[in-house]
Amino acid sequence: MPVHLVGAASSPDFAALAKRNSNAACQESPVNCIHIGLINNMPDGALQATERQFLTLLDSASDGVVVRLSLYALPDIPRNEPGRCHINRFYSSIENLWDSHLDGLIVTGAEPHTANLKDEPYWHNLTRVLDWAEHNTHSTVWSCLAAHAAVLHTDGIARHRFSDKRFGAFECAPALEHPLTAGVPSRFQVPQSRWNGIRENELTDCGYRVLTRTSDGDVDMFVRQRQSLFVLFQGHPEYEVNTLLLEYRRDIVRYLRRQIDTYPALPESYFDRETVDVLTKLRERALSSRREELLADFPTVLAGKKIANTWHPVATRIYGNWLAYLRAQSELRLKAGRGWKYPQLNEPGLVQSAVRAQVK
């Protein structure tokens, strides 16, 4: 009985639907169930959008298998009061992760507050997650800053800061054949939004395999197989069509409020020519008269209607391949009779999304 994702993690109706349907499906056919954790480290303004992005992506990548998604939060991420309330209501403590028996895990990036990742307030707990995931998941996805933290902690590979922010929809291509990139086209776009990067030679020297690169040779997606398959993204295939637009507007707000000194550069290969012209004129006005009132002229709605989400089909394929890997590993585990137990419906932070999850 296929059940579809019908709401966001914060929706009571979504939780009710999951309670009625997905638990029964898992009990009847546990091999068709995958349990994934999402550790959402994004700042308050992107917290719920990130939930929605990964829920939507897992939904579109799946077909025939129930994906049960548990939400977790690191305790040391700086948050405002609404953010803390949301976390307390819908997320499980990281302490509940250690006995969770997950098939897979997704760990998002976070907004950096220090130049050295080891000085971030959440570093200790993030490294605990890294060590745990190595021995307790079939595979873990590390996104952007979380990928940088993973290679720093496990292999001592430091990230390197760019002179300019790497921002936009960058053309990428597969670097080698791998099950995770099966069915991926020879050219595709992936959103990028970061000030730092990892050098390929430092990764390959430590046993990582680069799966995709940008057209200018920057590493995009890479993996390393140890006890768990670590899948690392410097880009953001999960982004929605308007995510870069909203990030660009946020950075303009910071400039106009004098929180940053440099006006942000336009995202590359993202806006159409008409929108670029409008935003270029807005930039000229802001540079000559730095007033927050100029935001009223930011073409949020107009620009959002003209952006094409060219990366979603590829993201769906890659995550579909990842779900297929998790399902295969889960089936091997069940055949081995290890007796994994799915968590109860009332476990804090559990969003039992009855998502279709068999890769076509």
Foldseek 3Di string as FASTA:
>chain_A
DFDAQDDFLPDPVLLVVLVVPQVVVCVVPVLLEAEEEEEQAEAPVCRRVVRVLVSVLQQLLFAAGFYWYFYEYQPQRDHDPVSVVVCVAFHDYPVVVLQQQGQEYEYEAYDDDDPDPCPRRRLVVLVVVLVSCLQRYQEYEQEANSLQSNCCNPPVFHKDFDPAWQFAWFKKAFPDDDLLQPPPDGIFTFTATGGIATDPVSQVVVPKDQTMATPVGGGAWIWHDDSHIYIYGNTCLSDDLCPSVVVLLVQLLCCLVVVDPDRHDDHPPWFDPVLVVQVVVLVVVCVVPSHNVSSVSNPSPVRSVGGDSGSSVSSSSSVLSVLQSSSVVVVVVVVVVPDDDHDDSPRRRISRGSRRRHGD
